[in-house]
Each structure stands twice: as C-alpha cells, then as structure tokens.
Amino acid sequence: MSVAYGKAVAIEGININVSKGEFVAVIGANGAGKTTTLNAVMGLVPAVSGTVLHNGQAIDGLPAERCVERGIVLVPESRDLFGPLSVQDNLRLGGYLHRHRYDGSSLERIYDLLPKLKERRNQEVKTLSGGEQQMVAIGRALMAKPQVILLDEPSIGLAPRIVE
C-alpha cells in the first residue's frame, strides 16, 4: 500500500500480513507513517495504491464504520472520547453496532479486564487521568467485539502494570 498527502508520499510500498492470534508492531521514528498506515487500513485516509484485505476481502476504500462492522477497530492516539459523557456511556458507544445483542455482559467483561473503569463508570470521561482515558478508549474498542484491533500508541499515559 502507498499513501500520499497531495504530492508528499507518506507511505510507499508497505506490506503487512497479520494472522489470527498474532500481534504485530509497527515501529518507527516520529513521522515515519505509523499513524497514516493505521488510518489507511481504517479508511480514514485513502491509499493511492495497494489493497487492504481482511478475511480475504478487499476493504480499502470502505468508510471506517464499515470496517468496524467487519470486525476491525482503531484506538487512535488522540483517543477521541466523548468528554462530557460517563465512562459507561463511552463504553456503550463502542458496542453500538452490536446493540441488538447487548445484554450487559460485554460491559462486565470490560470491567473485569479494567476494574478501575468500573469504579469510575459514572464519572465524566473528561475528568479522568490520561491513563484512565486510554483505558476507556481501549475498552470502547473491545466493546465492538473486534477480530482486529489497531492500537496507535496504546501505552501512552498508562501505568506499567496496566501496559503489562
């Protein structure tokens, strides 16, 4: 895949294969194109060439919400949370596409993984620490029951114990 912003080429000829159950890290200096790569996979920026395949089907060119429907979610570095809403409401938004199956067990699963969020479930997200906000962003992604999670700078602001 290649991505350009106007005449400036941001990514040229990147090829990444990820198998089920595999963790893959893209490492590089600031400005190397890591975020652009994730955004291109999610359809947030268009690729000028190449194809993104998921389960053998091309997904490049699909809007981000279609990627989420197909089981791919992005936790952006900026988190993109809804500050005035509670932790619980932000988490529920992550499960929006699965609302017809929503029974509360997904929330409990997130609270089991990230118990600090259960303590703060009624608190406005904008009042949380940076690490707690990152936990909400990751929990929100998990609420979508994804097959693939794209994490952009996932450990920013997290305590080492949570990173582990």
N, C-alpha and C. Protein backbone atom coordinates (compact mmCIF):
# COMPACT_ATOMS: atom_id res chain seq x y z
N MET A 1 0.85 -1.17 0.00
CA MET A 1 0.00 0.00 0.00
C MET A 1 0.89 1.23 0.00
N SER A 2 0.42 2.25 -0.65
CA SER A 2 1.09 3.55 -0.64
C SER A 2 0.05 4.62 -0.34
N VAL A 3 0.46 5.63 0.42
CA VAL A 3 -0.43 6.73 0.80
C VAL A 3 0.33 8.04 0.59
N ALA A 4 -0.37 9.02 0.06
CA ALA A 4 0.24 10.34 -0.14
C ALA A 4 -0.74 11.41 0.30
N TYR A 5 -0.18 12.51 0.76
CA TYR A 5 -0.94 13.70 1.07
C TYR A 5 -0.55 14.71 0.01
N GLY A 6 -1.38 14.83 -1.01
CA GLY A 6 -1.01 15.66 -2.15
C GLY A 6 0.18 15.02 -2.84
N LYS A 7 1.25 15.78 -3.02
CA LYS A 7 2.45 15.25 -3.67
C LYS A 7 3.42 14.62 -2.67
N ALA A 8 3.16 14.79 -1.39
CA ALA A 8 4.05 14.24 -0.36
C ALA A 8 3.68 12.78 -0.09
N VAL A 9 4.59 11.88 -0.39
CA VAL A 9 4.36 10.45 -0.16
C VAL A 9 4.64 10.15 1.31
N ALA A 10 3.63 9.63 1.99
CA ALA A 10 3.76 9.32 3.41
C ALA A 10 4.18 7.87 3.63
N ILE A 11 3.65 6.98 2.81
CA ILE A 11 3.96 5.55 2.90
C ILE A 11 4.14 5.04 1.48
N GLU A 12 5.19 4.29 1.27
CA GLU A 12 5.39 3.75 -0.07
C GLU A 12 5.69 2.26 0.01
N GLY A 13 4.79 1.49 -0.55
CA GLY A 13 5.01 0.06 -0.69
C GLY A 13 5.05 -0.74 0.60
N ILE A 14 4.28 -0.36 1.60
CA ILE A 14 4.26 -1.14 2.85
C ILE A 14 3.41 -2.39 2.64
N ASN A 15 3.85 -3.49 3.23
CA ASN A 15 3.14 -4.75 3.12
C ASN A 15 3.18 -5.41 4.50
N ILE A 16 2.02 -5.59 5.09
CA ILE A 16 1.94 -6.20 6.42
C ILE A 16 0.92 -7.34 6.35
N ASN A 17 1.32 -8.48 6.87
CA ASN A 17 0.40 -9.63 6.97
C ASN A 17 0.23 -9.96 8.44
N VAL A 18 -1.01 -10.13 8.86
CA VAL A 18 -1.30 -10.47 10.25
C VAL A 18 -2.19 -11.70 10.25
N SER A 19 -1.75 -12.73 10.95
CA SER A 19 -2.53 -13.96 11.05
C SER A 19 -3.35 -13.94 12.33
N LYS A 20 -4.37 -14.77 12.37
CA LYS A 20 -5.24 -14.86 13.54
C LYS A 20 -4.41 -15.18 14.78
N GLY A 21 -4.65 -14.43 15.85
CA GLY A 21 -3.95 -14.64 17.11
C GLY A 21 -2.57 -14.01 17.18
N GLU A 22 -2.18 -13.34 16.14
CA GLU A 22 -0.84 -12.76 16.07
C GLU A 22 -0.86 -11.29 16.49
N PHE A 23 0.22 -10.87 17.15
CA PHE A 23 0.43 -9.47 17.49
C PHE A 23 1.53 -8.94 16.58
N VAL A 24 1.27 -7.82 15.94
CA VAL A 24 2.26 -7.21 15.05
C VAL A 24 2.45 -5.77 15.48
N ALA A 25 3.71 -5.36 15.57
CA ALA A 25 4.02 -3.98 15.93
C ALA A 25 4.70 -3.30 14.75
N VAL A 26 4.30 -2.06 14.52
CA VAL A 26 4.96 -1.23 13.52
C VAL A 26 5.74 -0.19 14.31
N ILE A 27 7.05 -0.22 14.14
CA ILE A 27 7.92 0.66 14.91
C ILE A 27 8.65 1.59 13.96
N GLY A 28 8.75 2.85 14.36
CA GLY A 28 9.48 3.81 13.54
C GLY A 28 9.54 5.15 14.23
N ALA A 29 10.34 6.01 13.68
CA ALA A 29 10.50 7.36 14.23
C ALA A 29 9.23 8.17 14.03
N ASN A 30 9.13 9.29 14.75
CA ASN A 30 8.02 10.21 14.52
C ASN A 30 8.02 10.61 13.05
N GLY A 31 6.84 10.61 12.46
CA GLY A 31 6.72 11.00 11.06
C GLY A 31 7.01 9.89 10.07
N ALA A 32 7.24 8.66 10.56
CA ALA A 32 7.58 7.55 9.67
C ALA A 32 6.36 6.96 8.96
N GLY A 33 5.14 7.29 9.42
CA GLY A 33 3.95 6.81 8.74
C GLY A 33 3.15 5.77 9.50
N LYS A 34 3.46 5.56 10.77
CA LYS A 34 2.74 4.54 11.55
C LYS A 34 1.25 4.88 11.66
N THR A 35 0.95 6.09 12.07
CA THR A 35 -0.45 6.52 12.22
C THR A 35 -1.14 6.54 10.86
N THR A 36 -0.46 7.00 9.84
CA THR A 36 -1.03 7.03 8.50
C THR A 36 -1.38 5.61 8.04
N THR A 37 -0.53 4.65 8.35
CA THR A 37 -0.80 3.26 7.98
C THR A 37 -2.09 2.78 8.63
N LEU A 38 -2.23 3.01 9.92
CA LEU A 38 -3.44 2.58 10.63
C LEU A 38 -4.67 3.29 10.08
N ASN A 39 -4.54 4.59 9.84
CA ASN A 39 -5.68 5.35 9.31
C ASN A 39 -6.07 4.88 7.91
N ALA A 40 -5.09 4.47 7.11
CA ALA A 40 -5.40 3.96 5.77
C ALA A 40 -6.11 2.61 5.85
N VAL A 41 -5.69 1.77 6.76
CA VAL A 41 -6.37 0.48 6.94
C VAL A 41 -7.83 0.71 7.31
N MET A 42 -8.09 1.71 8.16
CA MET A 42 -9.46 2.00 8.62
C MET A 42 -10.27 2.82 7.61
N GLY A 43 -9.65 3.22 6.51
CA GLY A 43 -10.38 4.02 5.53
C GLY A 43 -10.49 5.49 5.88
N LEU A 44 -9.70 5.94 6.84
CA LEU A 44 -9.74 7.35 7.24
C LEU A 44 -8.91 8.23 6.32
N VAL A 45 -7.91 7.65 5.67
CA VAL A 45 -7.16 8.33 4.62
C VAL A 45 -7.08 7.36 3.44
N PRO A 46 -7.20 7.87 2.22
CA PRO A 46 -7.20 6.97 1.07
C PRO A 46 -5.79 6.53 0.68
N ALA A 47 -5.67 5.29 0.28
CA ALA A 47 -4.41 4.79 -0.27
C ALA A 47 -4.38 5.16 -1.75
N VAL A 48 -3.21 5.53 -2.24
CA VAL A 48 -3.09 5.85 -3.67
C VAL A 48 -2.83 4.58 -4.48
N SER A 49 -2.36 3.53 -3.80
CA SER A 49 -2.21 2.24 -4.47
C SER A 49 -2.21 1.15 -3.41
N GLY A 50 -2.50 -0.05 -3.87
CA GLY A 50 -2.49 -1.19 -2.98
C GLY A 50 -3.88 -1.56 -2.51
N THR A 51 -3.94 -2.65 -1.79
CA THR A 51 -5.20 -3.19 -1.32
C THR A 51 -5.07 -3.61 0.13
N VAL A 52 -6.10 -3.37 0.90
CA VAL A 52 -6.18 -3.85 2.27
C VAL A 52 -7.18 -5.00 2.26
N LEU A 53 -6.73 -6.18 2.69
CA LEU A 53 -7.59 -7.35 2.74
C LEU A 53 -7.87 -7.74 4.18
N HIS A 54 -9.09 -8.13 4.43
CA HIS A 54 -9.48 -8.68 5.74
C HIS A 54 -10.33 -9.90 5.46
N ASN A 55 -9.90 -11.04 5.98
CA ASN A 55 -10.58 -12.31 5.71
C ASN A 55 -10.75 -12.53 4.20
N GLY A 56 -9.74 -12.14 3.44
CA GLY A 56 -9.75 -12.37 2.00
C GLY A 56 -10.56 -11.39 1.18
N GLN A 57 -11.18 -10.42 1.83
CA GLN A 57 -12.00 -9.44 1.11
C GLN A 57 -11.34 -8.07 1.17
N ALA A 58 -11.37 -7.37 0.05
CA ALA A 58 -10.82 -6.01 -0.01
C ALA A 58 -11.69 -5.07 0.82
N ILE A 59 -11.04 -4.30 1.68
CA ILE A 59 -11.78 -3.33 2.49
C ILE A 59 -11.29 -1.91 2.25
N ASP A 60 -10.24 -1.76 1.43
CA ASP A 60 -9.75 -0.40 1.17
C ASP A 60 -10.84 0.38 0.46
N GLY A 61 -10.96 1.61 0.84
CA GLY A 61 -11.99 2.46 0.26
C GLY A 61 -13.30 2.43 1.03
N LEU A 62 -13.44 1.48 1.96
CA LEU A 62 -14.66 1.45 2.77
C LEU A 62 -14.58 2.52 3.86
N PRO A 63 -15.70 3.12 4.21
CA PRO A 63 -15.66 4.07 5.33
C PRO A 63 -15.39 3.32 6.64
N ALA A 64 -14.89 4.05 7.62
CA ALA A 64 -14.49 3.45 8.89
C ALA A 64 -15.60 2.64 9.54
N GLU A 65 -16.83 3.11 9.48
CA GLU A 65 -17.91 2.36 10.14
C GLU A 65 -18.13 1.00 9.50
N ARG A 66 -17.87 0.87 8.20
CA ARG A 66 -17.99 -0.44 7.53
C ARG A 66 -16.86 -1.36 7.99
N CYS A 67 -15.67 -0.78 8.23
CA CYS A 67 -14.56 -1.57 8.76
C CYS A 67 -14.90 -2.11 10.15
N VAL A 68 -15.52 -1.27 10.97
CA VAL A 68 -15.93 -1.71 12.31
C VAL A 68 -16.95 -2.83 12.19
N GLU A 69 -17.90 -2.70 11.29
CA GLU A 69 -18.90 -3.76 11.08
C GLU A 69 -18.23 -5.07 10.69
N ARG A 70 -17.12 -4.99 9.98
CA ARG A 70 -16.40 -6.18 9.54
C ARG A 70 -15.42 -6.70 10.59
N GLY A 71 -15.34 -6.03 11.73
CA GLY A 71 -14.53 -6.55 12.84
C GLY A 71 -13.18 -5.90 13.03
N ILE A 72 -12.99 -4.70 12.48
CA ILE A 72 -11.71 -4.00 12.65
C ILE A 72 -11.98 -2.70 13.39
N VAL A 73 -11.24 -2.44 14.46
CA VAL A 73 -11.41 -1.20 15.21
C VAL A 73 -10.06 -0.52 15.40
N LEU A 74 -10.11 0.78 15.54
CA LEU A 74 -8.91 1.60 15.77
C LEU A 74 -9.05 2.33 17.09
N VAL A 75 -8.00 2.25 17.90
CA VAL A 75 -7.88 3.09 19.09
C VAL A 75 -6.86 4.15 18.71
N PRO A 76 -7.34 5.36 18.37
CA PRO A 76 -6.39 6.40 17.92
C PRO A 76 -5.57 6.95 19.08
N GLU A 77 -4.41 7.48 18.75
CA GLU A 77 -3.56 8.09 19.77
C GLU A 77 -4.31 9.19 20.51
N SER A 78 -5.17 9.91 19.80
CA SER A 78 -5.92 11.02 20.39
C SER A 78 -7.10 10.56 21.24
N ARG A 79 -7.37 9.28 21.23
CA ARG A 79 -8.45 8.63 21.99
C ARG A 79 -9.84 8.95 21.46
N ASP A 80 -10.11 10.19 21.09
CA ASP A 80 -11.41 10.60 20.53
C ASP A 80 -12.60 10.16 21.39
N LEU A 81 -12.50 10.42 22.68
CA LEU A 81 -13.58 10.11 23.61
C LEU A 81 -14.59 11.24 23.65
N PHE A 82 -15.74 10.96 24.23
CA PHE A 82 -16.80 11.96 24.40
C PHE A 82 -16.72 12.45 25.85
N GLY A 83 -15.97 13.53 26.06
CA GLY A 83 -15.63 14.04 27.38
C GLY A 83 -16.78 14.26 28.34
N PRO A 84 -17.89 14.87 27.91
CA PRO A 84 -18.98 15.10 28.86
C PRO A 84 -19.77 13.84 29.23
N LEU A 85 -19.58 12.77 28.47
CA LEU A 85 -20.31 11.53 28.77
C LEU A 85 -19.56 10.72 29.83
N SER A 86 -20.28 9.84 30.48
CA SER A 86 -19.68 8.99 31.50
C SER A 86 -18.80 7.91 30.87
N VAL A 87 -18.00 7.29 31.70
CA VAL A 87 -17.19 6.16 31.27
C VAL A 87 -18.10 5.10 30.66
N GLN A 88 -19.17 4.77 31.35
CA GLN A 88 -20.07 3.72 30.89
C GLN A 88 -20.71 4.08 29.55
N ASP A 89 -21.12 5.31 29.38
CA ASP A 89 -21.72 5.71 28.10
C ASP A 89 -20.70 5.64 26.97
N ASN A 90 -19.46 6.04 27.23
CA ASN A 90 -18.41 5.92 26.21
C ASN A 90 -18.18 4.46 25.84
N LEU A 91 -18.17 3.59 26.83
CA LEU A 91 -18.01 2.16 26.55
C LEU A 91 -19.18 1.63 25.73
N ARG A 92 -20.38 2.00 26.11
CA ARG A 92 -21.56 1.53 25.37
C ARG A 92 -21.53 1.96 23.91
N LEU A 93 -21.00 3.15 23.65
CA LEU A 93 -20.90 3.61 22.26
C LEU A 93 -20.02 2.68 21.44
N GLY A 94 -19.03 2.08 22.07
CA GLY A 94 -18.18 1.12 21.37
C GLY A 94 -18.93 -0.11 20.92
N GLY A 95 -19.98 -0.45 21.64
CA GLY A 95 -20.79 -1.61 21.28
C GLY A 95 -22.01 -1.27 20.48
N TYR A 96 -22.08 -0.06 19.97
CA TYR A 96 -23.26 0.43 19.26
C TYR A 96 -23.70 -0.50 18.13
N LEU A 97 -22.77 -0.98 17.35
CA LEU A 97 -23.14 -1.83 16.21
C LEU A 97 -23.69 -3.17 16.66
N HIS A 98 -23.45 -3.53 17.90
CA HIS A 98 -23.93 -4.81 18.43
C HIS A 98 -25.09 -4.61 19.39
N ARG A 99 -25.74 -3.46 19.32
CA ARG A 99 -26.77 -3.12 20.30
C ARG A 99 -27.92 -4.12 20.32
N HIS A 100 -28.20 -4.73 19.19
CA HIS A 100 -29.30 -5.69 19.16
C HIS A 100 -28.97 -6.94 19.98
N ARG A 101 -27.70 -7.15 20.31
CA ARG A 101 -27.29 -8.30 21.11
C ARG A 101 -26.84 -7.87 22.51
N TYR A 102 -26.97 -6.60 22.83
CA TYR A 102 -26.42 -6.06 24.07
C TYR A 102 -27.17 -6.61 25.27
N ASP A 103 -26.44 -7.24 26.18
CA ASP A 103 -27.06 -7.79 27.38
C ASP A 103 -26.32 -7.39 28.65
N GLY A 104 -25.35 -6.52 28.52
CA GLY A 104 -24.59 -6.09 29.69
C GLY A 104 -23.35 -6.93 29.95
N SER A 105 -23.28 -8.13 29.39
CA SER A 105 -22.12 -8.98 29.64
C SER A 105 -20.85 -8.38 29.03
N SER A 106 -20.98 -7.66 27.94
CA SER A 106 -19.81 -7.02 27.33
C SER A 106 -19.22 -5.98 28.27
N LEU A 107 -20.08 -5.19 28.89
CA LEU A 107 -19.60 -4.20 29.87
C LEU A 107 -18.91 -4.89 31.03
N GLU A 108 -19.50 -5.94 31.52
CA GLU A 108 -18.89 -6.65 32.66
C GLU A 108 -17.54 -7.23 32.28
N ARG A 109 -17.39 -7.69 31.04
CA ARG A 109 -16.11 -8.21 30.58
C ARG A 109 -15.06 -7.11 30.59
N ILE A 110 -15.44 -5.91 30.15
CA ILE A 110 -14.51 -4.77 30.16
C ILE A 110 -14.15 -4.40 31.59
N TYR A 111 -15.16 -4.37 32.46
CA TYR A 111 -14.90 -4.04 33.86
C TYR A 111 -14.01 -5.09 34.54
N ASP A 112 -14.11 -6.36 34.12
CA ASP A 112 -13.23 -7.39 34.66
C ASP A 112 -11.79 -7.16 34.20
N LEU A 113 -11.63 -6.78 32.93
CA LEU A 113 -10.30 -6.52 32.39
C LEU A 113 -9.68 -5.24 32.95
N LEU A 114 -10.52 -4.23 33.13
CA LEU A 114 -10.06 -2.90 33.55
C LEU A 114 -10.91 -2.44 34.74
N PRO A 115 -10.66 -3.01 35.93
CA PRO A 115 -11.52 -2.75 37.09
C PRO A 115 -11.60 -1.28 37.50
N LYS A 116 -10.60 -0.48 37.19
CA LYS A 116 -10.64 0.94 37.53
C LYS A 116 -11.81 1.61 36.82
N LEU A 117 -12.16 1.12 35.63
CA LEU A 117 -13.28 1.72 34.89
C LEU A 117 -14.61 1.45 35.59
N LYS A 118 -14.75 0.32 36.24
CA LYS A 118 -15.99 0.04 36.97
C LYS A 118 -16.14 1.04 38.12
N GLU A 119 -15.03 1.33 38.79
CA GLU A 119 -15.06 2.30 39.89
C GLU A 119 -15.48 3.68 39.38
N ARG A 120 -15.10 3.98 38.17
CA ARG A 120 -15.33 5.32 37.60
C ARG A 120 -16.48 5.35 36.60
N ARG A 121 -17.27 4.31 36.52
CA ARG A 121 -18.27 4.16 35.45
C ARG A 121 -19.23 5.33 35.30
N ASN A 122 -19.55 6.05 36.36
CA ASN A 122 -20.48 7.18 36.27
C ASN A 122 -19.79 8.53 36.15
N GLN A 123 -18.48 8.51 36.12
CA GLN A 123 -17.69 9.75 36.07
C GLN A 123 -17.57 10.23 34.62
N GLU A 124 -17.59 11.56 34.43
CA GLU A 124 -17.37 12.11 33.10
C GLU A 124 -15.95 11.79 32.66
N VAL A 125 -15.81 11.36 31.41
CA VAL A 125 -14.50 10.95 30.90
C VAL A 125 -13.50 12.10 30.93
N LYS A 126 -13.96 13.33 30.71
CA LYS A 126 -13.03 14.46 30.68
C LYS A 126 -12.36 14.71 32.03
N THR A 127 -12.89 14.13 33.11
CA THR A 127 -12.30 14.32 34.44
C THR A 127 -11.30 13.23 34.80
N LEU A 128 -11.12 12.25 33.93
CA LEU A 128 -10.21 11.14 34.21
C LEU A 128 -8.77 11.52 33.89
N SER A 129 -7.84 10.79 34.46
CA SER A 129 -6.43 10.97 34.12
C SER A 129 -6.21 10.48 32.69
N GLY A 130 -5.06 10.81 32.13
CA GLY A 130 -4.74 10.36 30.77
C GLY A 130 -4.72 8.85 30.66
N GLY A 131 -4.17 8.18 31.66
CA GLY A 131 -4.13 6.72 31.64
C GLY A 131 -5.52 6.11 31.73
N GLU A 132 -6.38 6.69 32.56
CA GLU A 132 -7.75 6.20 32.66
C GLU A 132 -8.50 6.43 31.36
N GLN A 133 -8.26 7.56 30.71
CA GLN A 133 -8.90 7.81 29.42
C GLN A 133 -8.43 6.79 28.38
N GLN A 134 -7.15 6.43 28.44
CA GLN A 134 -6.64 5.43 27.49
C GLN A 134 -7.32 4.09 27.74
N MET A 135 -7.55 3.76 29.01
CA MET A 135 -8.27 2.52 29.32
C MET A 135 -9.69 2.56 28.75
N VAL A 136 -10.35 3.70 28.84
CA VAL A 136 -11.70 3.84 28.27
C VAL A 136 -11.64 3.63 26.76
N ALA A 137 -10.66 4.23 26.11
CA ALA A 137 -10.55 4.10 24.65
C ALA A 137 -10.34 2.64 24.25
N ILE A 138 -9.50 1.92 24.98
CA ILE A 138 -9.26 0.51 24.68
C ILE A 138 -10.51 -0.31 25.00
N GLY A 139 -11.14 -0.02 26.14
CA GLY A 139 -12.38 -0.72 26.50
C GLY A 139 -13.48 -0.49 25.47
N ARG A 140 -13.58 0.74 25.00
CA ARG A 140 -14.60 1.06 23.98
C ARG A 140 -14.36 0.24 22.72
N ALA A 141 -13.10 0.11 22.31
CA ALA A 141 -12.78 -0.71 21.14
C ALA A 141 -13.16 -2.17 21.36
N LEU A 142 -12.89 -2.68 22.55
CA LEU A 142 -13.21 -4.07 22.85
C LEU A 142 -14.71 -4.33 22.86
N MET A 143 -15.49 -3.31 23.17
CA MET A 143 -16.95 -3.44 23.17
C MET A 143 -17.50 -3.80 21.78
N ALA A 144 -16.76 -3.48 20.74
CA ALA A 144 -17.19 -3.78 19.37
C ALA A 144 -16.96 -5.25 19.02
N LYS A 145 -16.39 -6.01 19.94
CA LYS A 145 -16.09 -7.43 19.72
C LYS A 145 -15.29 -7.62 18.43
N PRO A 146 -14.15 -6.93 18.34
CA PRO A 146 -13.39 -6.94 17.10
C PRO A 146 -12.61 -8.22 16.86
N GLN A 147 -12.31 -8.46 15.60
CA GLN A 147 -11.38 -9.51 15.20
C GLN A 147 -9.97 -8.93 15.14
N VAL A 148 -9.87 -7.63 14.80
CA VAL A 148 -8.59 -6.95 14.67
C VAL A 148 -8.68 -5.63 15.42
N ILE A 149 -7.68 -5.37 16.26
CA ILE A 149 -7.61 -4.09 16.97
C ILE A 149 -6.33 -3.38 16.53
N LEU A 150 -6.50 -2.19 16.01
CA LEU A 150 -5.37 -1.35 15.63
C LEU A 150 -5.17 -0.34 16.76
N LEU A 151 -4.01 -0.40 17.39
CA LEU A 151 -3.72 0.47 18.53
C LEU A 151 -2.62 1.45 18.15
N ASP A 152 -2.94 2.73 18.17
CA ASP A 152 -1.95 3.76 17.86
C ASP A 152 -1.42 4.32 19.18
N GLU A 153 -0.19 4.02 19.49
CA GLU A 153 0.45 4.45 20.75
C GLU A 153 -0.39 3.99 21.96
N PRO A 154 -0.63 2.69 22.08
CA PRO A 154 -1.56 2.20 23.11
C PRO A 154 -1.12 2.39 24.54
N SER A 155 0.17 2.51 24.80
CA SER A 155 0.61 2.59 26.19
C SER A 155 0.79 4.03 26.69
N ILE A 156 0.50 5.01 25.85
CA ILE A 156 0.66 6.41 26.28
C ILE A 156 -0.24 6.69 27.49
N GLY A 157 0.37 7.13 28.57
CA GLY A 157 -0.37 7.52 29.75
C GLY A 157 -0.76 6.40 30.68
N LEU A 158 -0.44 5.15 30.32
CA LEU A 158 -0.82 4.02 31.16
C LEU A 158 0.27 3.66 32.16
N ALA A 159 -0.15 3.22 33.33
CA ALA A 159 0.79 2.72 34.32
C ALA A 159 1.41 1.42 33.80
N PRO A 160 2.67 1.14 34.15
CA PRO A 160 3.32 -0.09 33.66
C PRO A 160 2.52 -1.36 33.95
N ARG A 161 1.83 -1.42 35.08
CA ARG A 161 1.05 -2.61 35.43
C ARG A 161 -0.09 -2.82 34.43
N ILE A 162 -0.71 -1.74 34.00
CA ILE A 162 -1.81 -1.83 33.02
C ILE A 162 -1.27 -2.20 31.65
N VAL A 163 -0.11 -1.65 31.29
CA VAL A 163 0.51 -1.98 30.00
C VAL A 163 0.76 -3.47 29.93
N GLU A 164 1.27 -4.03 31.03
CA GLU A 164 1.56 -5.46 31.09
C GLU A 164 0.29 -6.26 30.90
